[in-house]
Amino acid sequence: MSEWISTPQSSNVAGFSYEEASQTLTVEFKSGSRYNYYDVPLHVFEGMKSAASKGKYLNAEIKGAYRYARQ
């Protein structure tokens, strides 16, 4: 797995990582639940890394757009 990116400034997202080979974005929420989002292009991950609000970006660009499964 690639580097884990902690997001202590986020009120909802605890952290996330991206596996480029499988295009899988893993997101952990402050509640402790983790989700894998599949077939996420690298530019979407890069957008999340640079977004001022990780939660807003996740809701606007990722949720509902990509297949997902809870870990």
C-alpha atoms as a PDB file:
ATOM      1  CA  MET A   1       0.000   0.000   0.000  1.00  0.00           C
ATOM      2  CA  SER A   2       1.170   3.519  -0.630  1.00  0.00           C
ATOM      3  CA  GLU A   3       1.886   6.119   2.012  1.00  0.00           C
ATOM      4  CA  TRP A   4      -0.886   6.774   4.536  1.00  0.00           C
ATOM      5  CA  ILE A   5      -1.893  10.443   4.617  1.00  0.00           C
ATOM      6  CA  SER A   6      -3.215  11.528   8.017  1.00  0.00           C
ATOM      7  CA  THR A   7      -5.698  14.386   8.049  1.00  0.00           C
ATOM      8  CA  PRO A   8      -5.951  15.647  11.650  1.00  0.00           C
ATOM      9  CA  GLN A   9      -7.399  18.950  10.426  1.00  0.00           C
ATOM     10  CA  SER A  10     -10.433  17.199   8.918  1.00  0.00           C
ATOM     11  CA  SER A  11     -13.571  16.860  11.022  1.00  0.00           C
ATOM     12  CA  ASN A  12     -14.668  13.678   9.216  1.00  0.00           C
ATOM     13  CA  VAL A  13     -11.715  12.002   7.448  1.00  0.00           C
ATOM     14  CA  ALA A  14      -8.952  10.496   9.629  1.00  0.00           C
ATOM     15  CA  GLY A  15      -6.722   9.635   6.680  1.00  0.00           C
ATOM     16  CA  PHE A  16      -6.418   8.039   3.264  1.00  0.00           C
ATOM     17  CA  SER A  17      -4.068   6.270   0.883  1.00  0.00           C
ATOM     18  CA  TYR A  18      -3.975   5.309  -2.771  1.00  0.00           C
ATOM     19  CA  GLU A  19      -2.725   2.199  -4.535  1.00  0.00           C
ATOM     20  CA  GLU A  20      -1.905   3.262  -8.086  1.00  0.00           C
ATOM     21  CA  ALA A  21      -1.602  -0.258  -9.548  1.00  0.00           C
ATOM     22  CA  SER A  22      -5.182  -1.145  -8.597  1.00  0.00           C
ATOM     23  CA  GLN A  23      -6.512   2.445  -8.585  1.00  0.00           C
ATOM     24  CA  THR A  24      -7.880   1.889  -5.092  1.00  0.00           C
ATOM     25  CA  LEU A  25      -8.429   4.799  -2.712  1.00  0.00           C
ATOM     26  CA  THR A  26      -8.738   3.779   0.941  1.00  0.00           C
ATOM     27  CA  VAL A  27     -10.398   6.271   3.278  1.00  0.00           C
ATOM     28  CA  GLU A  28     -10.646   5.990   7.055  1.00  0.00           C
ATOM     29  CA  PHE A  29     -13.226   8.107   8.816  1.00  0.00           C
ATOM     30  CA  LYS A  30     -12.939   9.535  12.329  1.00  0.00           C
ATOM     31  CA  SER A  31     -15.582   6.978  13.364  1.00  0.00           C
ATOM     32  CA  GLY A  32     -12.994   4.259  12.643  1.00  0.00           C
ATOM     33  CA  SER A  33     -14.706   2.785   9.585  1.00  0.00           C
ATOM     34  CA  ARG A  34     -12.629   2.267   6.431  1.00  0.00           C
ATOM     35  CA  TYR A  35     -13.824   2.181   2.848  1.00  0.00           C
ATOM     36  CA  ASN A  36     -12.119   1.229  -0.398  1.00  0.00           C
ATOM     37  CA  TYR A  37     -13.132   3.161  -3.508  1.00  0.00           C
ATOM     38  CA  TYR A  38     -12.290   1.341  -6.750  1.00  0.00           C
ATOM     39  CA  ASP A  39     -11.163   2.497 -10.206  1.00  0.00           C
ATOM     40  CA  VAL A  40     -10.284   5.964  -8.904  1.00  0.00           C
ATOM     41  CA  PRO A  41      -7.946   7.755 -11.352  1.00  0.00           C
ATOM     42  CA  LEU A  42      -4.687   9.179 -10.027  1.00  0.00           C
ATOM     43  CA  HIS A  43      -5.805  12.766 -10.739  1.00  0.00           C
ATOM     44  CA  VAL A  44      -8.774  12.318  -8.369  1.00  0.00           C
ATOM     45  CA  PHE A  45      -6.432  11.159  -5.592  1.00  0.00           C
ATOM     46  CA  GLU A  46      -4.130  14.111  -6.316  1.00  0.00           C
ATOM     47  CA  GLY A  47      -7.174  16.385  -6.093  1.00  0.00           C
ATOM     48  CA  MET A  48      -8.071  14.977  -2.698  1.00  0.00           C
ATOM     49  CA  LYS A  49      -4.511  15.472  -1.462  1.00  0.00           C
ATOM     50  CA  SER A  50      -4.603  19.147  -2.420  1.00  0.00           C
ATOM     51  CA  ALA A  51      -8.212  19.857  -1.395  1.00  0.00           C
ATOM     52  CA  ALA A  52      -8.678  22.303   1.467  1.00  0.00           C
ATOM     53  CA  SER A  53     -11.522  20.135   2.795  1.00  0.00           C
ATOM     54  CA  LYS A  54     -10.992  16.395   2.373  1.00  0.00           C
ATOM     55  CA  GLY A  55     -14.573  15.585   3.394  1.00  0.00           C
ATOM     56  CA  LYS A  56     -16.125  18.043   0.949  1.00  0.00           C
ATOM     57  CA  TYR A  57     -13.924  16.755  -1.871  1.00  0.00           C
ATOM     58  CA  LEU A  58     -14.812  13.161  -1.015  1.00  0.00           C
ATOM     59  CA  ASN A  59     -18.533  13.988  -1.064  1.00  0.00           C
ATOM     60  CA  ALA A  60     -18.381  16.042  -4.268  1.00  0.00           C
ATOM     61  CA  GLU A  61     -15.945  14.006  -6.384  1.00  0.00           C
ATOM     62  CA  ILE A  62     -15.788  10.433  -5.098  1.00  0.00           C
ATOM     63  CA  LYS A  63     -18.927   9.286  -3.268  1.00  0.00           C
ATOM     64  CA  GLY A  64     -21.524   8.151  -5.763  1.00  0.00           C
ATOM     65  CA  ALA A  65     -19.010   8.203  -8.630  1.00  0.00           C
ATOM     66  CA  TYR A  66     -16.940   5.089  -7.819  1.00  0.00           C
ATOM     67  CA  ARG A  67     -17.656   1.572  -6.594  1.00  0.00           C
ATOM     68  CA  TYR A  68     -16.852   1.091  -2.936  1.00  0.00           C
ATOM     69  CA  ALA A  69     -16.815  -1.500  -0.156  1.00  0.00           C
ATOM     70  CA  ARG A  70     -16.427  -1.221   3.572  1.00  0.00           C
ATOM     71  CA  GLN A  71     -13.332  -2.983   4.909  1.00  0.00           C
END
